[in-house]
Every structure is written in structure tokens, then in C-alpha cells.
Amino acid sequence: KQGNTDNTVQARVERALENLCGAPVEARGSGRTDAGVHALGQVVSAAMDTDLTPQEVRDGLNAHLPADIAAVDCEERDLR
């Protein structure tokens, strides 16, 4: 995240997840991207308290994200 703007991929994903879950969610990317550089294939993890299925999370993310950001797949994992 960047302190000087909320117009980042991470901020948008976190806002979309918050809309889905009704509570703040911290998203962690597998790496950084610079402004103007694509994030194709970026992997994101987020711990959430939800009864949504992974497919519902993916679809909900895509409903709340701008057209230039998309969730391709979503999987549930243990927190261990």
C-alpha cells in the first residue's frame, strides 16, 4: 500500500473484499509492481471471516473491482 494514494491494486482489492465481508480485510500480494506496470498473474492472499464459497468471493471481487483489475481464481486455504 502507498500512503499517498488509495488508487492502487492492493487498495482496490481490499476495498472490494471489505464490501463483500462487511469488515476491513488486509490483502497481501506476492510481489510489488510499479506504476504503469502490469500485475498479470499476481497472487494475493487475505484472511477473511466469511461463509462465501471461493467462487462467490471471486465473483464478488469482480463485481466490485474496476474493469482493469480481475480475480481469475480463488481458493480457500488453512491459516497454518
PDB file of N, CA and C in Angstrom:
ATOM      1  N   LYS A   1       0.840  -1.180   0.000  1.00  0.00           N
ATOM      2  CA  LYS A   1       0.000   0.000   0.000  1.00  0.00           C
ATOM      3  C   LYS A   1       0.876   1.232   0.000  1.00  0.00           C
ATOM      4  N   GLN A   2       0.328   2.281  -0.506  1.00  0.00           N
ATOM      5  CA  GLN A   2       1.042   3.543  -0.511  1.00  0.00           C
ATOM      6  C   GLN A   2       0.242   4.553   0.300  1.00  0.00           C
ATOM      7  N   GLY A   3       0.932   5.320   1.109  1.00  0.00           N
ATOM      8  CA  GLY A   3       0.260   6.282   1.969  1.00  0.00           C
ATOM      9  C   GLY A   3      -0.262   7.510   1.243  1.00  0.00           C
ATOM     10  N   ASN A   4       0.226   7.768   0.038  1.00  0.00           N
ATOM     11  CA  ASN A   4      -0.145   8.997  -0.657  1.00  0.00           C
ATOM     12  C   ASN A   4      -1.299   8.821  -1.639  1.00  0.00           C
ATOM     13  N   THR A   5      -1.821   7.578  -1.795  1.00  0.00           N
ATOM     14  CA  THR A   5      -2.937   7.358  -2.717  1.00  0.00           C
ATOM     15  C   THR A   5      -3.675   6.079  -2.345  1.00  0.00           C
ATOM     16  N   ASP A   6      -4.952   6.051  -2.634  1.00  0.00           N
ATOM     17  CA  ASP A   6      -5.703   4.812  -2.460  1.00  0.00           C
ATOM     18  C   ASP A   6      -6.033   4.214  -3.828  1.00  0.00           C
ATOM     19  N   ASN A   7      -5.389   4.731  -4.867  1.00  0.00           N
ATOM     20  CA  ASN A   7      -5.601   4.257  -6.225  1.00  0.00           C
ATOM     21  C   ASN A   7      -4.520   3.237  -6.592  1.00  0.00           C
ATOM     22  N   THR A   8      -4.464   2.160  -5.814  1.00  0.00           N
ATOM     23  CA  THR A   8      -3.521   1.073  -6.079  1.00  0.00           C
ATOM     24  C   THR A   8      -4.318  -0.224  -6.213  1.00  0.00           C
ATOM     25  N   VAL A   9      -3.707  -1.228  -6.803  1.00  0.00           N
ATOM     26  CA  VAL A   9      -4.385  -2.518  -6.939  1.00  0.00           C
ATOM     27  C   VAL A   9      -4.716  -3.060  -5.550  1.00  0.00           C
ATOM     28  N   GLN A  10      -3.765  -3.000  -4.635  1.00  0.00           N
ATOM     29  CA  GLN A  10      -3.998  -3.523  -3.289  1.00  0.00           C
ATOM     30  C   GLN A  10      -5.155  -2.802  -2.615  1.00  0.00           C
ATOM     31  N   ALA A  11      -5.182  -1.492  -2.683  1.00  0.00           N
ATOM     32  CA  ALA A  11      -6.262  -0.733  -2.047  1.00  0.00           C
ATOM     33  C   ALA A  11      -7.615  -1.075  -2.659  1.00  0.00           C
ATOM     34  N   ARG A  12      -7.655  -1.243  -3.953  1.00  0.00           N
ATOM     35  CA  ARG A  12      -8.924  -1.584  -4.612  1.00  0.00           C
ATOM     36  C   ARG A  12      -9.387  -2.987  -4.241  1.00  0.00           C
ATOM     37  N   VAL A  13      -8.456  -3.937  -4.175  1.00  0.00           N
ATOM     38  CA  VAL A  13      -8.811  -5.301  -3.783  1.00  0.00           C
ATOM     39  C   VAL A  13      -9.297  -5.310  -2.336  1.00  0.00           C
ATOM     40  N   GLU A  14      -8.599  -4.613  -1.458  1.00  0.00           N
ATOM     41  CA  GLU A  14      -9.022  -4.554  -0.058  1.00  0.00           C
ATOM     42  C   GLU A  14     -10.404  -3.929   0.087  1.00  0.00           C
ATOM     43  N   ARG A  15     -10.672  -2.879  -0.655  1.00  0.00           N
ATOM     44  CA  ARG A  15     -11.992  -2.232  -0.605  1.00  0.00           C
ATOM     45  C   ARG A  15     -13.076  -3.183  -1.108  1.00  0.00           C
ATOM     46  N   ALA A  16     -12.791  -3.930  -2.176  1.00  0.00           N
ATOM     47  CA  ALA A  16     -13.761  -4.887  -2.707  1.00  0.00           C
ATOM     48  C   ALA A  16     -14.014  -6.004  -1.698  1.00  0.00           C
ATOM     49  N   LEU A  17     -12.965  -6.514  -1.056  1.00  0.00           N
ATOM     50  CA  LEU A  17     -13.130  -7.557  -0.051  1.00  0.00           C
ATOM     51  C   LEU A  17     -13.908  -7.040   1.154  1.00  0.00           C
ATOM     52  N   GLU A  18     -13.641  -5.804   1.554  1.00  0.00           N
ATOM     53  CA  GLU A  18     -14.387  -5.206   2.659  1.00  0.00           C
ATOM     54  C   GLU A  18     -15.873  -5.103   2.311  1.00  0.00           C
ATOM     55  N   ASN A  19     -16.180  -4.736   1.084  1.00  0.00           N
ATOM     56  CA  ASN A  19     -17.582  -4.677   0.651  1.00  0.00           C
ATOM     57  C   ASN A  19     -18.228  -6.057   0.737  1.00  0.00           C
ATOM     58  N   LEU A  20     -17.485  -7.100   0.406  1.00  0.00           N
ATOM     59  CA  LEU A  20     -18.019  -8.459   0.460  1.00  0.00           C
ATOM     60  C   LEU A  20     -18.215  -8.950   1.886  1.00  0.00           C
ATOM     61  N   CYS A  21     -17.249  -8.675   2.748  1.00  0.00           N
ATOM     62  CA  CYS A  21     -17.234  -9.244   4.099  1.00  0.00           C
ATOM     63  C   CYS A  21     -17.855  -8.329   5.157  1.00  0.00           C
ATOM     64  N   GLY A  22     -17.967  -7.065   4.853  1.00  0.00           N
ATOM     65  CA  GLY A  22     -18.513  -6.131   5.823  1.00  0.00           C
ATOM     66  C   GLY A  22     -17.536  -5.737   6.917  1.00  0.00           C
ATOM     67  N   ALA A  23     -16.262  -6.019   6.711  1.00  0.00           N
ATOM     68  CA  ALA A  23     -15.218  -5.672   7.675  1.00  0.00           C
ATOM     69  C   ALA A  23     -13.914  -5.459   6.917  1.00  0.00           C
ATOM     70  N   PRO A  24     -13.006  -4.665   7.494  1.00  0.00           N
ATOM     71  CA  PRO A  24     -11.718  -4.455   6.821  1.00  0.00           C
ATOM     72  C   PRO A  24     -10.970  -5.767   6.601  1.00  0.00           C
ATOM     73  N   VAL A  25     -10.325  -5.883   5.444  1.00  0.00           N
ATOM     74  CA  VAL A  25      -9.540  -7.068   5.080  1.00  0.00           C
ATOM     75  C   VAL A  25      -8.199  -6.585   4.559  1.00  0.00           C
ATOM     76  N   GLU A  26      -7.115  -7.181   5.053  1.00  0.00           N
ATOM     77  CA  GLU A  26      -5.785  -6.847   4.551  1.00  0.00           C
ATOM     78  C   GLU A  26      -5.394  -7.847   3.476  1.00  0.00           C
ATOM     79  N   ALA A  27      -5.098  -7.357   2.303  1.00  0.00           N
ATOM     80  CA  ALA A  27      -4.662  -8.204   1.189  1.00  0.00           C
ATOM     81  C   ALA A  27      -3.147  -8.118   1.083  1.00  0.00           C
ATOM     82  N   ARG A  28      -2.529  -9.255   0.842  1.00  0.00           N
ATOM     83  CA  ARG A  28      -1.067  -9.299   0.698  1.00  0.00           C
ATOM     84  C   ARG A  28      -0.723  -9.869  -0.667  1.00  0.00           C
ATOM     85  N   GLY A  29      -0.020  -9.080  -1.443  1.00  0.00           N
ATOM     86  CA  GLY A  29       0.399  -9.522  -2.770  1.00  0.00           C
ATOM     87  C   GLY A  29       1.691 -10.307  -2.701  1.00  0.00           C
ATOM     88  N   SER A  30       1.932 -11.102  -3.737  1.00  0.00           N
ATOM     89  CA  SER A  30       3.153 -11.912  -3.764  1.00  0.00           C
ATOM     90  C   SER A  30       4.368 -11.118  -4.202  1.00  0.00           C
ATOM     91  N   GLY A  31       4.140  -9.882  -4.649  1.00  0.00           N
ATOM     92  CA  GLY A  31       5.250  -9.032  -5.080  1.00  0.00           C
ATOM     93  C   GLY A  31       4.755  -7.634  -5.342  1.00  0.00           C
ATOM     94  N   ARG A  32       5.664  -6.773  -5.679  1.00  0.00           N
ATOM     95  CA  ARG A  32       5.332  -5.374  -5.936  1.00  0.00           C
ATOM     96  C   ARG A  32       5.267  -5.108  -7.429  1.00  0.00           C
ATOM     97  N   THR A  33       4.481  -4.110  -7.778  1.00  0.00           N
ATOM     98  CA  THR A  33       4.519  -3.597  -9.143  1.00  0.00           C
ATOM     99  C   THR A  33       4.663  -2.089  -9.066  1.00  0.00           C
ATOM    100  N   ASP A  34       5.299  -1.519 -10.032  1.00  0.00           N
ATOM    101  CA  ASP A  34       5.442  -0.072 -10.099  1.00  0.00           C
ATOM    102  C   ASP A  34       4.307   0.515 -10.923  1.00  0.00           C
ATOM    103  N   ALA A  35       4.073   1.788 -10.768  1.00  0.00           N
ATOM    104  CA  ALA A  35       3.025   2.472 -11.529  1.00  0.00           C
ATOM    105  C   ALA A  35       3.232   2.254 -13.020  1.00  0.00           C
ATOM    106  N   GLY A  36       2.157   1.916 -13.700  1.00  0.00           N
ATOM    107  CA  GLY A  36       2.217   1.732 -15.141  1.00  0.00           C
ATOM    108  C   GLY A  36       2.684   0.357 -15.576  1.00  0.00           C
ATOM    109  N   VAL A  37       2.965  -0.527 -14.629  1.00  0.00           N
ATOM    110  CA  VAL A  37       3.439  -1.870 -14.941  1.00  0.00           C
ATOM    111  C   VAL A  37       2.318  -2.855 -14.656  1.00  0.00           C
ATOM    112  N   HIS A  38       2.111  -3.838 -15.540  1.00  0.00           N
ATOM    113  CA  HIS A  38       1.021  -4.788 -15.334  1.00  0.00           C
ATOM    114  C   HIS A  38       1.322  -5.717 -14.169  1.00  0.00           C
ATOM    115  N   ALA A  39       0.283  -6.256 -13.580  1.00  0.00           N
ATOM    116  CA  ALA A  39       0.410  -7.209 -12.484  1.00  0.00           C
ATOM    117  C   ALA A  39      -0.181  -8.546 -12.899  1.00  0.00           C
ATOM    118  N   LEU A  40      -0.056  -8.885 -14.157  1.00  0.00           N
ATOM    119  CA  LEU A  40      -0.602 -10.131 -14.682  1.00  0.00           C
ATOM    120  C   LEU A  40      -0.044 -11.315 -13.911  1.00  0.00           C
ATOM    121  N   GLY A  41      -0.943 -12.157 -13.414  1.00  0.00           N
ATOM    122  CA  GLY A  41      -0.518 -13.340 -12.677  1.00  0.00           C
ATOM    123  C   GLY A  41      -0.188 -13.093 -11.226  1.00  0.00           C
ATOM    124  N   GLN A  42      -0.457 -11.907 -10.720  1.00  0.00           N
ATOM    125  CA  GLN A  42      -0.196 -11.587  -9.315  1.00  0.00           C
ATOM    126  C   GLN A  42      -1.052 -12.471  -8.419  1.00  0.00           C
ATOM    127  N   VAL A  43      -0.476 -12.975  -7.347  1.00  0.00           N
ATOM    128  CA  VAL A  43      -1.191 -13.793  -6.373  1.00  0.00           C
ATOM    129  C   VAL A  43      -1.403 -12.954  -5.122  1.00  0.00           C
ATOM    130  N   VAL A  44      -2.618 -13.017  -4.581  1.00  0.00           N
ATOM    131  CA  VAL A  44      -2.978 -12.237  -3.396  1.00  0.00           C
ATOM    132  C   VAL A  44      -3.543 -13.177  -2.351  1.00  0.00           C
ATOM    133  N   SER A  45      -3.177 -12.956  -1.093  1.00  0.00           N
ATOM    134  CA  SER A  45      -3.789 -13.715  -0.003  1.00  0.00           C
ATOM    135  C   SER A  45      -4.480 -12.738   0.941  1.00  0.00           C
ATOM    136  N   ALA A  46      -5.547 -13.227   1.565  1.00  0.00           N
ATOM    137  CA  ALA A  46      -6.300 -12.405   2.509  1.00  0.00           C
ATOM    138  C   ALA A  46      -7.029 -13.320   3.478  1.00  0.00           C
ATOM    139  N   ALA A  47      -6.946 -13.032   4.758  1.00  0.00           N
ATOM    140  CA  ALA A  47      -7.686 -13.780   5.768  1.00  0.00           C
ATOM    141  C   ALA A  47      -9.021 -13.081   5.976  1.00  0.00           C
ATOM    142  N   MET A  48     -10.112 -13.847   5.819  1.00  0.00           N
ATOM    143  CA  MET A  48     -11.449 -13.257   5.933  1.00  0.00           C
ATOM    144  C   MET A  48     -12.343 -14.191   6.736  1.00  0.00           C
ATOM    145  N   ASP A  49     -13.272 -13.602   7.457  1.00  0.00           N
ATOM    146  CA  ASP A  49     -14.301 -14.371   8.157  1.00  0.00           C
ATOM    147  C   ASP A  49     -15.565 -14.273   7.316  1.00  0.00           C
ATOM    148  N   THR A  50     -15.838 -15.311   6.534  1.00  0.00           N
ATOM    149  CA  THR A  50     -16.984 -15.288   5.630  1.00  0.00           C
ATOM    150  C   THR A  50     -17.495 -16.699   5.380  1.00  0.00           C
ATOM    151  N   ASP A  51     -18.753 -16.791   5.075  1.00  0.00           N
ATOM    152  CA  ASP A  51     -19.353 -18.069   4.678  1.00  0.00           C
ATOM    153  C   ASP A  51     -19.418 -18.208   3.163  1.00  0.00           C
ATOM    154  N   LEU A  52     -18.902 -17.225   2.439  1.00  0.00           N
ATOM    155  CA  LEU A  52     -18.913 -17.276   0.981  1.00  0.00           C
ATOM    156  C   LEU A  52     -18.000 -18.388   0.481  1.00  0.00           C
ATOM    157  N   THR A  53     -18.394 -19.035  -0.602  1.00  0.00           N
ATOM    158  CA  THR A  53     -17.524 -20.022  -1.236  1.00  0.00           C
ATOM    159  C   THR A  53     -16.412 -19.282  -1.981  1.00  0.00           C
ATOM    160  N   PRO A  54     -15.325 -19.969  -2.303  1.00  0.00           N
ATOM    161  CA  PRO A  54     -14.277 -19.310  -3.091  1.00  0.00           C
ATOM    162  C   PRO A  54     -14.807 -18.726  -4.407  1.00  0.00           C
ATOM    163  N   GLN A  55     -15.718 -19.422  -5.054  1.00  0.00           N
ATOM    164  CA  GLN A  55     -16.274 -18.913  -6.308  1.00  0.00           C
ATOM    165  C   GLN A  55     -17.110 -17.654  -6.069  1.00  0.00           C
ATOM    166  N   GLU A  56     -17.829 -17.604  -4.951  1.00  0.00           N
ATOM    167  CA  GLU A  56     -18.609 -16.407  -4.620  1.00  0.00           C
ATOM    168  C   GLU A  56     -17.696 -15.237  -4.297  1.00  0.00           C
ATOM    169  N   VAL A  57     -16.567 -15.511  -3.639  1.00  0.00           N
ATOM    170  CA  VAL A  57     -15.589 -14.443  -3.362  1.00  0.00           C
ATOM    171  C   VAL A  57     -15.032 -13.918  -4.678  1.00  0.00           C
ATOM    172  N   ARG A  58     -14.629 -14.828  -5.575  1.00  0.00           N
ATOM    173  CA  ARG A  58     -14.100 -14.410  -6.886  1.00  0.00           C
ATOM    174  C   ARG A  58     -15.117 -13.559  -7.637  1.00  0.00           C
ATOM    175  N   ASP A  59     -16.344 -14.049  -7.729  1.00  0.00           N
ATOM    176  CA  ASP A  59     -17.382 -13.314  -8.458  1.00  0.00           C
ATOM    177  C   ASP A  59     -17.704 -11.984  -7.793  1.00  0.00           C
ATOM    178  N   GLY A  60     -17.731 -11.971  -6.465  1.00  0.00           N
ATOM    179  CA  GLY A  60     -17.987 -10.729  -5.739  1.00  0.00           C
ATOM    180  C   GLY A  60     -16.873  -9.727  -5.923  1.00  0.00           C
ATOM    181  N   LEU A  61     -15.635 -10.213  -5.897  1.00  0.00           N
ATOM    182  CA  LEU A  61     -14.497  -9.326  -6.165  1.00  0.00           C
ATOM    183  C   LEU A  61     -14.649  -8.682  -7.535  1.00  0.00           C
ATOM    184  N   ASN A  62     -14.919  -9.500  -8.533  1.00  0.00           N
ATOM    185  CA  ASN A  62     -15.029  -8.973  -9.893  1.00  0.00           C
ATOM    186  C   ASN A  62     -16.190  -7.999 -10.035  1.00  0.00           C
ATOM    187  N   ALA A  63     -17.236  -8.170  -9.253  1.00  0.00           N
ATOM    188  CA  ALA A  63     -18.369  -7.236  -9.292  1.00  0.00           C
ATOM    189  C   ALA A  63     -18.004  -5.893  -8.676  1.00  0.00           C
ATOM    190  N   HIS A  64     -17.041  -5.888  -7.741  1.00  0.00           N
ATOM    191  CA  HIS A  64     -16.664  -4.659  -7.038  1.00  0.00           C
ATOM    192  C   HIS A  64     -15.375  -4.026  -7.548  1.00  0.00           C
ATOM    193  N   LEU A  65     -14.645  -4.725  -8.407  1.00  0.00           N
ATOM    194  CA  LEU A  65     -13.379  -4.189  -8.917  1.00  0.00           C
ATOM    195  C   LEU A  65     -13.584  -3.433 -10.221  1.00  0.00           C
ATOM    196  N   PRO A  66     -12.721  -2.462 -10.505  1.00  0.00           N
ATOM    197  CA  PRO A  66     -12.800  -1.780 -11.798  1.00  0.00           C
ATOM    198  C   PRO A  66     -12.446  -2.737 -12.934  1.00  0.00           C
ATOM    199  N   ALA A  67     -12.787  -2.361 -14.140  1.00  0.00           N
ATOM    200  CA  ALA A  67     -12.625  -3.246 -15.303  1.00  0.00           C
ATOM    201  C   ALA A  67     -11.176  -3.658 -15.567  1.00  0.00           C
ATOM    202  N   ASP A  68     -10.212  -2.885 -15.100  1.00  0.00           N
ATOM    203  CA  ASP A  68      -8.812  -3.222 -15.384  1.00  0.00           C
ATOM    204  C   ASP A  68      -8.166  -4.108 -14.312  1.00  0.00           C
ATOM    205  N   ILE A  69      -8.960  -4.567 -13.339  1.00  0.00           N
ATOM    206  CA  ILE A  69      -8.481  -5.499 -12.315  1.00  0.00           C
ATOM    207  C   ILE A  69      -9.474  -6.650 -12.252  1.00  0.00           C
ATOM    208  N   ALA A  70      -8.980  -7.885 -12.268  1.00  0.00           N
ATOM    209  CA  ALA A  70      -9.876  -9.037 -12.248  1.00  0.00           C
ATOM    210  C   ALA A  70      -9.307 -10.161 -11.398  1.00  0.00           C
ATOM    211  N   ALA A  71     -10.192 -10.835 -10.677  1.00  0.00           N
ATOM    212  CA  ALA A  71      -9.842 -12.055  -9.961  1.00  0.00           C
ATOM    213  C   ALA A  71     -10.122 -13.216 -10.906  1.00  0.00           C
ATOM    214  N   VAL A  72      -9.099 -14.013 -11.196  1.00  0.00           N
ATOM    215  CA  VAL A  72      -9.232 -15.125 -12.134  1.00  0.00           C
ATOM    216  C   VAL A  72      -9.626 -16.398 -11.397  1.00  0.00           C
ATOM    217  N   ASP A  73      -9.077 -16.612 -10.230  1.00  0.00           N
ATOM    218  CA  ASP A  73      -9.344 -17.816  -9.464  1.00  0.00           C
ATOM    219  C   ASP A  73      -9.288 -17.470  -7.991  1.00  0.00           C
ATOM    220  N   CYS A  74      -9.946 -18.280  -7.186  1.00  0.00           N
ATOM    221  CA  CYS A  74      -9.951 -18.064  -5.743  1.00  0.00           C
ATOM    222  C   CYS A  74      -9.968 -19.423  -5.074  1.00  0.00           C
ATOM    223  N   GLU A  75      -9.126 -19.602  -4.072  1.00  0.00           N
ATOM    224  CA  GLU A  75      -9.047 -20.869  -3.347  1.00  0.00           C
ATOM    225  C   GLU A  75      -9.030 -20.604  -1.856  1.00  0.00           C
ATOM    226  N   GLU A  76      -9.608 -21.536  -1.112  1.00  0.00           N
ATOM    227  CA  GLU A  76      -9.586 -21.467   0.347  1.00  0.00           C
ATOM    228  C   GLU A  76      -8.399 -22.258   0.856  1.00  0.00           C
ATOM    229  N   ARG A  77      -7.707 -21.698   1.843  1.00  0.00           N
ATOM    230  CA  ARG A  77      -6.539 -22.357   2.438  1.00  0.00           C
ATOM    231  C   ARG A  77      -6.622 -22.272   3.953  1.00  0.00           C
ATOM    232  N   ASP A  78      -5.994 -23.223   4.635  1.00  0.00           N
ATOM    233  CA  ASP A  78      -5.873 -23.162   6.086  1.00  0.00           C
ATOM    234  C   ASP A  78      -4.953 -22.011   6.461  1.00  0.00           C
ATOM    235  N   LEU A  79      -5.131 -21.489   7.661  1.00  0.00           N
ATOM    236  CA  LEU A  79      -4.285 -20.383   8.123  1.00  0.00           C
ATOM    237  C   LEU A  79      -2.945 -20.859   8.653  1.00  0.00           C
ATOM    238  N   ARG A  80      -2.731 -22.145   8.704  1.00  0.00           N
ATOM    239  CA  ARG A  80      -1.457 -22.678   9.223  1.00  0.00           C
ATOM    240  C   ARG A  80      -0.311 -22.379   8.333  1.00  0.00           C
TER     241      ARG A  80
END
